[in-house]
C-alpha cells in the first residue's frame, strides 16, 4: 500500500513538474510549415504526452491562436474584396448587356433600313421593291415590243398604201396622157372633117 502511495506521489510530482516546465520553458524550435495545419501538427509533435493527454506549450497555443485569427482576418478581407469585385463586375456586366442590347437594336435598325427602300413616301421591303421594279420593267418591255411590232406593221401598211397610191397615180397619169392624146387626135380628125366639109362647100 505504501508502494502505491509513493508511486502516485512520484507521478503527481512529475506531472506538476512537466506542467510547470511546459508553461515556463521557452520555445526555441522553429516550424518550417507556416500553414495552420503545419503549426497545429508542429504543436502536437512538440507537446509531451501524459496518460494519453497532450501537454500543450502555451506559447505555441497562443501562436496558433494568433495565426488562426490572422488567417480569419485575411480571409474575411479577401472575401470582402471578392464581394466588392463581384459587385463591380456585376455592374460592368449589366452595363455591357445594356451596350450589347443597344448595339443589337442599332444593328436591327440598320439592317431594316438597308432592306427597306422608300418610294413616293411609301416604305417597301427591298425584295418587294425589286419585284415591283422588275415587274414594271417587264410590262414596259412587253409594251415597247408591242408598240415596235405595231409600228412595223403600220409602216408596212403605210408603205403598201403609198405604193398603191403611186401605182394608181401613175395609171391615172398614163390614162390622162392617153385621154389627152385621144382628145387631140379626135380634135385633129374633127378639124380635118371640117376642112373637108368647108372645101366641099366651096366648090
Foldseek 3Di string as FASTA:
>chain_A
DVVVVVVVVVVVVVVVVLLVCLAPPDDPDDQPDPDLVSLVVVQQVPFDDDPNDTRGRVVSVVVSVVSVVVVVVVVVVVVVVVVVVVVVVVVVVVVVVVVVVVVVVVVVVVVQVVQWDADPNDIDGVVVVVVVVVVVVVVVVVVVVVVVVVVVVVVVVVVVVVVVVVVVVVVVVVVVVVVVVVVVVVVVVVVVVVVVVVVVVVD
